[in-house]
N, C-alpha and C. Protein backbone atom coordinates (compact mmCIF):
# COMPACT_ATOMS: atom_id res chain seq x y z
N UNK A 1 5.38 -16.77 11.70
CA UNK A 1 6.27 -17.35 10.71
C UNK A 1 5.52 -17.50 9.39
N UNK A 2 6.18 -17.16 8.30
CA UNK A 2 5.57 -17.24 6.99
C UNK A 2 5.72 -18.64 6.43
N UNK A 3 4.71 -19.09 5.70
CA UNK A 3 4.83 -20.32 4.94
C UNK A 3 4.32 -20.08 3.54
N UNK A 4 4.37 -21.09 2.71
CA UNK A 4 4.00 -20.89 1.31
C UNK A 4 2.54 -20.54 1.12
N UNK A 5 1.72 -20.73 2.16
CA UNK A 5 0.29 -20.41 2.06
C UNK A 5 -0.04 -19.05 2.65
N UNK A 6 0.93 -18.37 3.22
CA UNK A 6 0.70 -17.05 3.81
C UNK A 6 0.55 -16.01 2.70
N UNK A 7 -0.54 -15.28 2.74
CA UNK A 7 -0.76 -14.20 1.78
C UNK A 7 -0.22 -12.92 2.41
N UNK A 8 0.65 -12.27 1.66
CA UNK A 8 1.24 -11.03 2.15
C UNK A 8 0.53 -9.84 1.50
N UNK A 9 0.33 -8.82 2.30
CA UNK A 9 -0.32 -7.60 1.86
C UNK A 9 0.68 -6.45 1.94
N UNK A 10 0.73 -5.66 0.89
CA UNK A 10 1.59 -4.48 0.87
C UNK A 10 0.82 -3.28 1.37
N UNK A 11 1.39 -2.58 2.34
CA UNK A 11 0.87 -1.30 2.78
C UNK A 11 1.69 -0.26 2.01
N UNK A 12 1.00 0.70 1.38
CA UNK A 12 1.71 1.63 0.50
C UNK A 12 1.20 3.05 0.66
N UNK A 13 2.02 3.98 0.22
CA UNK A 13 1.56 5.35 0.08
C UNK A 13 1.54 5.68 -1.41
N UNK A 14 0.53 6.39 -1.80
CA UNK A 14 0.40 6.89 -3.16
C UNK A 14 0.95 8.30 -3.16
N UNK A 15 1.90 8.55 -4.05
CA UNK A 15 2.60 9.83 -4.10
C UNK A 15 2.27 10.53 -5.41
N UNK A 16 1.84 11.77 -5.29
CA UNK A 16 1.53 12.58 -6.48
C UNK A 16 2.32 13.87 -6.38
N UNK A 17 3.11 14.17 -7.40
CA UNK A 17 3.94 15.38 -7.41
C UNK A 17 4.80 15.47 -6.14
N UNK A 18 5.37 14.34 -5.75
CA UNK A 18 6.24 14.23 -4.56
C UNK A 18 5.53 14.48 -3.24
N UNK A 19 4.20 14.39 -3.23
CA UNK A 19 3.42 14.59 -2.01
C UNK A 19 2.62 13.32 -1.74
N UNK A 20 2.77 12.71 -0.53
CA UNK A 20 1.94 11.55 -0.19
C UNK A 20 0.48 11.98 -0.09
N UNK A 21 -0.39 11.30 -0.85
CA UNK A 21 -1.80 11.70 -0.88
C UNK A 21 -2.75 10.61 -0.39
N UNK A 22 -2.24 9.40 -0.19
CA UNK A 22 -3.13 8.28 0.14
C UNK A 22 -2.31 7.16 0.75
N UNK A 23 -2.86 6.51 1.75
CA UNK A 23 -2.26 5.31 2.32
C UNK A 23 -3.23 4.17 2.07
N UNK A 24 -2.75 3.07 1.52
CA UNK A 24 -3.64 1.97 1.19
C UNK A 24 -2.97 0.63 1.34
N UNK A 25 -3.69 -0.40 0.94
CA UNK A 25 -3.17 -1.77 1.00
C UNK A 25 -3.56 -2.51 -0.26
N UNK A 26 -2.73 -3.46 -0.63
CA UNK A 26 -3.00 -4.29 -1.82
C UNK A 26 -2.15 -5.54 -1.75
N UNK A 27 -2.60 -6.56 -2.43
CA UNK A 27 -1.75 -7.74 -2.59
C UNK A 27 -1.10 -7.76 -3.97
N UNK A 28 -1.41 -6.75 -4.79
CA UNK A 28 -0.82 -6.63 -6.12
C UNK A 28 -0.48 -5.16 -6.41
N UNK A 29 0.68 -4.68 -5.93
CA UNK A 29 1.01 -3.26 -6.10
C UNK A 29 1.04 -2.78 -7.55
N UNK A 30 1.52 -3.57 -8.47
CA UNK A 30 1.59 -3.12 -9.87
C UNK A 30 0.19 -2.92 -10.44
N UNK A 31 -0.71 -3.85 -10.16
CA UNK A 31 -2.09 -3.72 -10.63
C UNK A 31 -2.76 -2.50 -9.99
N UNK A 32 -2.52 -2.31 -8.69
CA UNK A 32 -3.15 -1.20 -7.98
C UNK A 32 -2.65 0.15 -8.53
N UNK A 33 -1.37 0.22 -8.86
CA UNK A 33 -0.84 1.46 -9.43
C UNK A 33 -1.51 1.76 -10.77
N UNK A 34 -1.71 0.75 -11.60
CA UNK A 34 -2.39 0.96 -12.88
C UNK A 34 -3.80 1.49 -12.65
N UNK A 35 -4.51 0.95 -11.65
CA UNK A 35 -5.87 1.43 -11.35
C UNK A 35 -5.84 2.89 -10.91
N UNK A 36 -4.89 3.24 -10.05
CA UNK A 36 -4.79 4.63 -9.61
C UNK A 36 -4.47 5.56 -10.79
N UNK A 37 -3.61 5.12 -11.68
CA UNK A 37 -3.25 5.98 -12.82
C UNK A 37 -4.44 6.22 -13.73
N UNK A 38 -5.31 5.23 -13.89
CA UNK A 38 -6.51 5.42 -14.70
C UNK A 38 -7.40 6.49 -14.07
N UNK A 39 -7.52 6.47 -12.74
CA UNK A 39 -8.40 7.39 -12.05
C UNK A 39 -7.79 8.76 -11.77
N UNK A 40 -6.46 8.79 -11.55
CA UNK A 40 -5.84 10.02 -11.05
C UNK A 40 -4.84 10.66 -11.99
N UNK A 41 -4.40 9.96 -12.99
CA UNK A 41 -3.42 10.53 -13.91
C UNK A 41 -2.08 9.83 -13.83
N UNK A 42 -1.17 10.28 -14.65
CA UNK A 42 0.10 9.59 -14.83
C UNK A 42 1.19 10.01 -13.86
N UNK A 43 1.07 11.17 -13.24
CA UNK A 43 2.15 11.69 -12.41
C UNK A 43 2.06 11.19 -10.96
N UNK A 44 1.89 9.88 -10.80
CA UNK A 44 1.81 9.28 -9.47
C UNK A 44 2.67 8.02 -9.42
N UNK A 45 3.03 7.64 -8.21
CA UNK A 45 3.70 6.36 -8.01
C UNK A 45 3.36 5.83 -6.63
N UNK A 46 3.63 4.55 -6.45
CA UNK A 46 3.37 3.87 -5.19
C UNK A 46 4.70 3.57 -4.52
N UNK A 47 4.76 3.82 -3.22
CA UNK A 47 5.90 3.42 -2.40
C UNK A 47 5.40 2.40 -1.38
N UNK A 48 5.84 1.16 -1.53
CA UNK A 48 5.47 0.13 -0.55
C UNK A 48 6.28 0.40 0.71
N UNK A 49 5.58 0.59 1.84
CA UNK A 49 6.26 0.92 3.08
C UNK A 49 6.28 -0.23 4.07
N UNK A 50 5.49 -1.27 3.78
CA UNK A 50 5.47 -2.44 4.68
C UNK A 50 4.84 -3.60 3.95
N UNK A 51 5.19 -4.82 4.36
CA UNK A 51 4.50 -6.03 3.91
C UNK A 51 4.13 -6.81 5.15
N UNK A 52 2.85 -7.15 5.26
CA UNK A 52 2.33 -7.81 6.46
C UNK A 52 1.47 -8.99 6.04
N UNK A 53 1.25 -9.89 6.99
CA UNK A 53 0.36 -11.03 6.72
C UNK A 53 -1.06 -10.52 6.53
N UNK A 54 -1.80 -11.24 5.69
CA UNK A 54 -3.16 -10.80 5.33
C UNK A 54 -4.05 -10.54 6.55
N UNK A 55 -3.95 -11.39 7.56
CA UNK A 55 -4.84 -11.21 8.72
C UNK A 55 -4.41 -10.07 9.65
N UNK A 56 -3.27 -9.43 9.37
CA UNK A 56 -2.78 -8.33 10.21
C UNK A 56 -2.84 -6.97 9.55
N UNK A 57 -3.29 -6.89 8.30
CA UNK A 57 -3.18 -5.63 7.56
C UNK A 57 -3.94 -4.47 8.20
N UNK A 58 -5.12 -4.72 8.77
CA UNK A 58 -5.90 -3.63 9.35
C UNK A 58 -5.16 -2.95 10.50
N UNK A 59 -4.56 -3.78 11.36
CA UNK A 59 -3.79 -3.22 12.48
C UNK A 59 -2.66 -2.34 11.96
N UNK A 60 -1.87 -2.87 11.02
CA UNK A 60 -0.70 -2.14 10.55
C UNK A 60 -1.05 -0.92 9.72
N UNK A 61 -2.12 -0.98 8.96
CA UNK A 61 -2.55 0.21 8.21
C UNK A 61 -2.96 1.31 9.19
N UNK A 62 -3.76 0.95 10.19
CA UNK A 62 -4.18 1.96 11.19
C UNK A 62 -2.96 2.48 11.96
N UNK A 63 -2.02 1.59 12.31
CA UNK A 63 -0.82 2.02 13.02
C UNK A 63 -0.06 3.04 12.22
N UNK A 64 0.07 2.81 10.90
CA UNK A 64 0.76 3.76 10.03
C UNK A 64 0.04 5.10 10.00
N UNK A 65 -1.28 5.08 9.95
CA UNK A 65 -2.06 6.31 9.91
C UNK A 65 -1.90 7.08 11.22
N UNK A 66 -2.04 6.39 12.34
CA UNK A 66 -2.01 7.04 13.66
C UNK A 66 -0.62 7.59 13.99
N UNK A 67 0.41 6.79 13.69
CA UNK A 67 1.76 7.20 14.07
C UNK A 67 2.44 8.07 13.00
N UNK A 68 1.93 8.02 11.78
CA UNK A 68 2.56 8.77 10.70
C UNK A 68 3.88 8.17 10.25
N UNK A 69 4.11 6.92 10.62
CA UNK A 69 5.36 6.25 10.26
C UNK A 69 5.14 5.29 9.11
């Protein structure tokens, strides 16, 4: 159960030219997208595919990688 002290982590895919190129996690998707754009260019976007509690992010990130979902 979530409470006001629960930190949520976004699991996302980074998409470049309509191709998923990276799966990552962040607690600030807008800031993370800006960082990616500085490093990789402007033709990218982030699609948040899940939001999980901070202490569960490793499990869910690996689950997404292994299952491809």
